[in-house]
Amino acid sequence: MKYMVSNTFRDKRNGKIYKQGQEIELTKKRFEEINSTASGVLVEEIIPKKTAKKQVK
C-alpha cells in the first residue's frame, strides 16, 4: 500500500530518512508500527480518489 510521509523521520529498521511529502510503500503492519511510536503519526494512507462517471443523456 502507498503512504505519504507527514513528518520527516528516520526508519529504525533500514536507517533511511523519509522526508515530509514523500510517497512510500509499506505493509499495513509496518504502517501501524511506525505510527505507534511516541513521535505520533508519521505516515498517512493515500486514499485514491474515485472518479465520478458521467451520465450520457
PDB file of N, CA and C in Angstrom:
ATOM      1  N   MET A   1       0.830  -1.169   0.000  1.00  0.00           N
ATOM      2  CA  MET A   1       0.000   0.000   0.000  1.00  0.00           C
ATOM      3  C   MET A   1       0.881   1.241   0.000  1.00  0.00           C
ATOM      4  N   LYS A   2       0.356   2.303  -0.585  1.00  0.00           N
ATOM      5  CA  LYS A   2       1.110   3.550  -0.642  1.00  0.00           C
ATOM      6  C   LYS A   2       0.715   4.477   0.497  1.00  0.00           C
ATOM      7  N   TYR A   3       1.744   5.155   1.024  1.00  0.00           N
ATOM      8  CA  TYR A   3       1.548   6.075   2.132  1.00  0.00           C
ATOM      9  C   TYR A   3       2.315   7.361   1.859  1.00  0.00           C
ATOM     10  N   MET A   4       1.852   8.446   2.498  1.00  0.00           N
ATOM     11  CA  MET A   4       2.502   9.749   2.388  1.00  0.00           C
ATOM     12  C   MET A   4       3.135  10.067   3.736  1.00  0.00           C
ATOM     13  N   VAL A   5       4.394  10.481   3.702  1.00  0.00           N
ATOM     14  CA  VAL A   5       5.098  10.839   4.931  1.00  0.00           C
ATOM     15  C   VAL A   5       4.577  12.204   5.391  1.00  0.00           C
ATOM     16  N   SER A   6       4.049  12.264   6.618  1.00  0.00           N
ATOM     17  CA  SER A   6       3.506  13.521   7.137  1.00  0.00           C
ATOM     18  C   SER A   6       4.524  14.282   7.985  1.00  0.00           C
ATOM     19  N   ASN A   7       5.496  13.575   8.547  1.00  0.00           N
ATOM     20  CA  ASN A   7       6.575  14.193   9.318  1.00  0.00           C
ATOM     21  C   ASN A   7       7.876  13.457   9.000  1.00  0.00           C
ATOM     22  N   THR A   8       8.933  14.206   8.732  1.00  0.00           N
ATOM     23  CA  THR A   8      10.229  13.610   8.418  1.00  0.00           C
ATOM     24  C   THR A   8      10.677  12.713   9.582  1.00  0.00           C
ATOM     25  N   PHE A   9      11.183  11.520   9.232  1.00  0.00           N
ATOM     26  CA  PHE A   9      11.667  10.596  10.257  1.00  0.00           C
ATOM     27  C   PHE A   9      12.716   9.662   9.678  1.00  0.00           C
ATOM     28  N   ARG A  10      13.480   9.040  10.587  1.00  0.00           N
ATOM     29  CA  ARG A  10      14.461   8.017  10.202  1.00  0.00           C
ATOM     30  C   ARG A  10      13.891   6.661  10.564  1.00  0.00           C
ATOM     31  N   ASP A  11      13.868   5.759   9.590  1.00  0.00           N
ATOM     32  CA  ASP A  11      13.347   4.410   9.806  1.00  0.00           C
ATOM     33  C   ASP A  11      14.375   3.628  10.616  1.00  0.00           C
ATOM     34  N   LYS A  12      13.950   3.111  11.759  1.00  0.00           N
ATOM     35  CA  LYS A  12      14.878   2.382  12.630  1.00  0.00           C
ATOM     36  C   LYS A  12      15.336   1.063  12.035  1.00  0.00           C
ATOM     37  N   ARG A  13      14.549   0.498  11.117  1.00  0.00           N
ATOM     38  CA  ARG A  13      14.910  -0.789  10.516  1.00  0.00           C
ATOM     39  C   ARG A  13      15.977  -0.667   9.438  1.00  0.00           C
ATOM     40  N   ASN A  14      15.834   0.331   8.556  1.00  0.00           N
ATOM     41  CA  ASN A  14      16.779   0.417   7.441  1.00  0.00           C
ATOM     42  C   ASN A  14      17.658   1.666   7.477  1.00  0.00           C
ATOM     43  N   GLY A  15      17.444   2.566   8.438  1.00  0.00           N
ATOM     44  CA  GLY A  15      18.273   3.758   8.599  1.00  0.00           C
ATOM     45  C   GLY A  15      17.979   4.865   7.594  1.00  0.00           C
ATOM     46  N   LYS A  16      17.021   4.646   6.703  1.00  0.00           N
ATOM     47  CA  LYS A  16      16.687   5.663   5.701  1.00  0.00           C
ATOM     48  C   LYS A  16      15.924   6.812   6.333  1.00  0.00           C
ATOM     49  N   ILE A  17      16.159   8.002   5.784  1.00  0.00           N
ATOM     50  CA  ILE A  17      15.416   9.172   6.220  1.00  0.00           C
ATOM     51  C   ILE A  17      14.319   9.421   5.201  1.00  0.00           C
ATOM     52  N   TYR A  18      13.085   9.494   5.683  1.00  0.00           N
ATOM     53  CA  TYR A  18      11.945   9.781   4.833  1.00  0.00           C
ATOM     54  C   TYR A  18      11.487  11.203   5.113  1.00  0.00           C
ATOM     55  N   LYS A  19      11.353  11.978   4.058  1.00  0.00           N
ATOM     56  CA  LYS A  19      11.012  13.389   4.201  1.00  0.00           C
ATOM     57  C   LYS A  19       9.530  13.638   4.011  1.00  0.00           C
ATOM     58  N   GLN A  20       9.059  14.682   4.647  1.00  0.00           N
ATOM     59  CA  GLN A  20       7.657  15.061   4.566  1.00  0.00           C
ATOM     60  C   GLN A  20       7.244  15.223   3.105  1.00  0.00           C
ATOM     61  N   GLY A  21       6.091  14.653   2.745  1.00  0.00           N
ATOM     62  CA  GLY A  21       5.575  14.734   1.387  1.00  0.00           C
ATOM     63  C   GLY A  21       6.007  13.594   0.488  1.00  0.00           C
ATOM     64  N   GLN A  22       6.922  12.755   0.948  1.00  0.00           N
ATOM     65  CA  GLN A  22       7.419  11.637   0.153  1.00  0.00           C
ATOM     66  C   GLN A  22       6.412  10.490   0.176  1.00  0.00           C
ATOM     67  N   GLU A  23       6.235   9.831  -0.970  1.00  0.00           N
ATOM     68  CA  GLU A  23       5.381   8.650  -1.049  1.00  0.00           C
ATOM     69  C   GLU A  23       6.236   7.412  -0.836  1.00  0.00           C
ATOM     70  N   ILE A  24       5.751   6.507   0.026  1.00  0.00           N
ATOM     71  CA  ILE A  24       6.479   5.267   0.288  1.00  0.00           C
ATOM     72  C   ILE A  24       5.493   4.099   0.285  1.00  0.00           C
ATOM     73  N   GLU A  25       6.014   2.905   0.086  1.00  0.00           N
ATOM     74  CA  GLU A  25       5.191   1.694   0.130  1.00  0.00           C
ATOM     75  C   GLU A  25       5.546   0.918   1.388  1.00  0.00           C
ATOM     76  N   LEU A  26       4.503   0.539   2.128  1.00  0.00           N
ATOM     77  CA  LEU A  26       4.665  -0.214   3.364  1.00  0.00           C
ATOM     78  C   LEU A  26       3.583  -1.271   3.459  1.00  0.00           C
ATOM     79  N   THR A  27       3.838  -2.253   4.294  1.00  0.00           N
ATOM     80  CA  THR A  27       2.763  -3.188   4.618  1.00  0.00           C
ATOM     81  C   THR A  27       1.896  -2.507   5.677  1.00  0.00           C
ATOM     82  N   LYS A  28       0.686  -2.993   5.845  1.00  0.00           N
ATOM     83  CA  LYS A  28      -0.223  -2.439   6.855  1.00  0.00           C
ATOM     84  C   LYS A  28       0.397  -2.583   8.251  1.00  0.00           C
ATOM     85  N   LYS A  29       1.041  -3.719   8.489  1.00  0.00           N
ATOM     86  CA  LYS A  29       1.669  -3.974   9.790  1.00  0.00           C
ATOM     87  C   LYS A  29       2.791  -2.963  10.066  1.00  0.00           C
ATOM     88  N   ARG A  30       3.622  -2.699   9.057  1.00  0.00           N
ATOM     89  CA  ARG A  30       4.731  -1.742   9.229  1.00  0.00           C
ATOM     90  C   ARG A  30       4.195  -0.324   9.415  1.00  0.00           C
ATOM     91  N   PHE A  31       3.131   0.022   8.682  1.00  0.00           N
ATOM     92  CA  PHE A  31       2.474   1.322   8.824  1.00  0.00           C
ATOM     93  C   PHE A  31       2.038   1.531  10.274  1.00  0.00           C
ATOM     94  N   GLU A  32       1.392   0.522  10.841  1.00  0.00           N
ATOM     95  CA  GLU A  32       0.919   0.611  12.219  1.00  0.00           C
ATOM     96  C   GLU A  32       2.086   0.714  13.201  1.00  0.00           C
ATOM     97  N   GLU A  33       3.163  -0.013  12.925  1.00  0.00           N
ATOM     98  CA  GLU A  33       4.344   0.025  13.790  1.00  0.00           C
ATOM     99  C   GLU A  33       4.970   1.418  13.791  1.00  0.00           C
ATOM    100  N   ILE A  34       5.112   2.017  12.617  1.00  0.00           N
ATOM    101  CA  ILE A  34       5.713   3.347  12.513  1.00  0.00           C
ATOM    102  C   ILE A  34       4.868   4.390  13.246  1.00  0.00           C
ATOM    103  N   ASN A  35       3.558   4.301  13.101  1.00  0.00           N
ATOM    104  CA  ASN A  35       2.679   5.295  13.717  1.00  0.00           C
ATOM    105  C   ASN A  35       2.417   5.049  15.199  1.00  0.00           C
ATOM    106  N   SER A  36       2.905   3.959  15.755  1.00  0.00           N
ATOM    107  CA  SER A  36       2.688   3.671  17.165  1.00  0.00           C
ATOM    108  C   SER A  36       3.810   4.210  18.057  1.00  0.00           C
ATOM    109  N   THR A  37       4.735   4.950  17.487  1.00  0.00           N
ATOM    110  CA  THR A  37       5.849   5.488  18.265  1.00  0.00           C
ATOM    111  C   THR A  37       5.413   6.709  19.066  1.00  0.00           C
ATOM    112  N   ALA A  38       6.257   7.133  19.979  1.00  0.00           N
ATOM    113  CA  ALA A  38       5.981   8.321  20.790  1.00  0.00           C
ATOM    114  C   ALA A  38       5.975   9.591  19.944  1.00  0.00           C
ATOM    115  N   SER A  39       6.532   9.518  18.739  1.00  0.00           N
ATOM    116  CA  SER A  39       6.580  10.689  17.847  1.00  0.00           C
ATOM    117  C   SER A  39       5.234  10.983  17.206  1.00  0.00           C
ATOM    118  N   GLY A  40       4.282  10.071  17.362  1.00  0.00           N
ATOM    119  CA  GLY A  40       2.952  10.283  16.804  1.00  0.00           C
ATOM    120  C   GLY A  40       2.836   9.787  15.373  1.00  0.00           C
ATOM    121  N   VAL A  41       1.888  10.366  14.645  1.00  0.00           N
ATOM    122  CA  VAL A  41       1.620   9.944  13.267  1.00  0.00           C
ATOM    123  C   VAL A  41       2.724  10.456  12.350  1.00  0.00           C
ATOM    124  N   LEU A  42       3.402   9.524  11.692  1.00  0.00           N
ATOM    125  CA  LEU A  42       4.496   9.881  10.791  1.00  0.00           C
ATOM    126  C   LEU A  42       4.141   9.640   9.330  1.00  0.00           C
ATOM    127  N   VAL A  43       3.231   8.707   9.088  1.00  0.00           N
ATOM    128  CA  VAL A  43       2.785   8.412   7.722  1.00  0.00           C
ATOM    129  C   VAL A  43       1.266   8.296   7.686  1.00  0.00           C
ATOM    130  N   GLU A  44       0.698   8.689   6.538  1.00  0.00           N
ATOM    131  CA  GLU A  44      -0.743   8.618   6.348  1.00  0.00           C
ATOM    132  C   GLU A  44      -1.036   7.838   5.083  1.00  0.00           C
ATOM    133  N   GLU A  45      -2.126   7.089   5.110  1.00  0.00           N
ATOM    134  CA  GLU A  45      -2.516   6.291   3.950  1.00  0.00           C
ATOM    135  C   GLU A  45      -2.988   7.196   2.817  1.00  0.00           C
ATOM    136  N   ILE A  46      -2.562   6.872   1.606  1.00  0.00           N
ATOM    137  CA  ILE A  46      -3.032   7.589   0.426  1.00  0.00           C
ATOM    138  C   ILE A  46      -4.284   6.882  -0.057  1.00  0.00           C
ATOM    139  N   ILE A  47      -5.377   7.584  -0.047  1.00  0.00           N
ATOM    140  CA  ILE A  47      -6.643   7.019  -0.483  1.00  0.00           C
ATOM    141  C   ILE A  47      -6.917   7.532  -1.893  1.00  0.00           C
ATOM    142  N   PRO A  48      -6.959   6.625  -2.872  1.00  0.00           N
ATOM    143  CA  PRO A  48      -7.179   7.056  -4.253  1.00  0.00           C
ATOM    144  C   PRO A  48      -8.566   7.687  -4.415  1.00  0.00           C
ATOM    145  N   LYS A  49      -8.594   8.756  -5.188  1.00  0.00           N
ATOM    146  CA  LYS A  49      -9.865   9.418  -5.448  1.00  0.00           C
ATOM    147  C   LYS A  49     -10.642   8.608  -6.473  1.00  0.00           C
ATOM    148  N   LYS A  50     -11.911   8.469  -6.227  1.00  0.00           N
ATOM    149  CA  LYS A  50     -12.767   7.765  -7.175  1.00  0.00           C
ATOM    150  C   LYS A  50     -13.316   8.794  -8.150  1.00  0.00           C
ATOM    151  N   THR A  51     -13.179   8.493  -9.413  1.00  0.00           N
ATOM    152  CA  THR A  51     -13.680   9.418 -10.421  1.00  0.00           C
ATOM    153  C   THR A  51     -15.158   9.142 -10.668  1.00  0.00           C
ATOM    154  N   ALA A  52     -15.898  10.198 -10.738  1.00  0.00           N
ATOM    155  CA  ALA A  52     -17.329  10.065 -10.980  1.00  0.00           C
ATOM    156  C   ALA A  52     -17.555   9.817 -12.479  1.00  0.00           C
ATOM    157  N   LYS A  53     -18.390   8.862 -12.766  1.00  0.00           N
ATOM    158  CA  LYS A  53     -18.691   8.568 -14.163  1.00  0.00           C
ATOM    159  C   LYS A  53     -19.777   9.532 -14.643  1.00  0.00           C
ATOM    160  N   LYS A  54     -19.543  10.073 -15.818  1.00  0.00           N
ATOM    161  CA  LYS A  54     -20.532  10.995 -16.386  1.00  0.00           C
ATOM    162  C   LYS A  54     -21.675  10.187 -16.996  1.00  0.00           C
ATOM    163  N   GLN A  55     -22.861  10.674 -16.767  1.00  0.00           N
ATOM    164  CA  GLN A  55     -24.019  10.013 -17.319  1.00  0.00           C
ATOM    165  C   GLN A  55     -24.274  10.594 -18.714  1.00  0.00           C
ATOM    166  N   VAL A  56     -24.478   9.722 -19.665  1.00  0.00           N
ATOM    167  CA  VAL A  56     -24.757  10.139 -21.047  1.00  0.00           C
ATOM    168  C   VAL A  56     -26.264  10.203 -21.209  1.00  0.00           C
ATOM    169  N   LYS A  57     -26.736  11.373 -21.649  1.00  0.00           N
ATOM    170  CA  LYS A  57     -28.193  11.528 -21.859  1.00  0.00           C
ATOM    171  C   LYS A  57     -28.528  11.521 -23.309  1.00  0.00           C
TER     172      LYS A  57
END
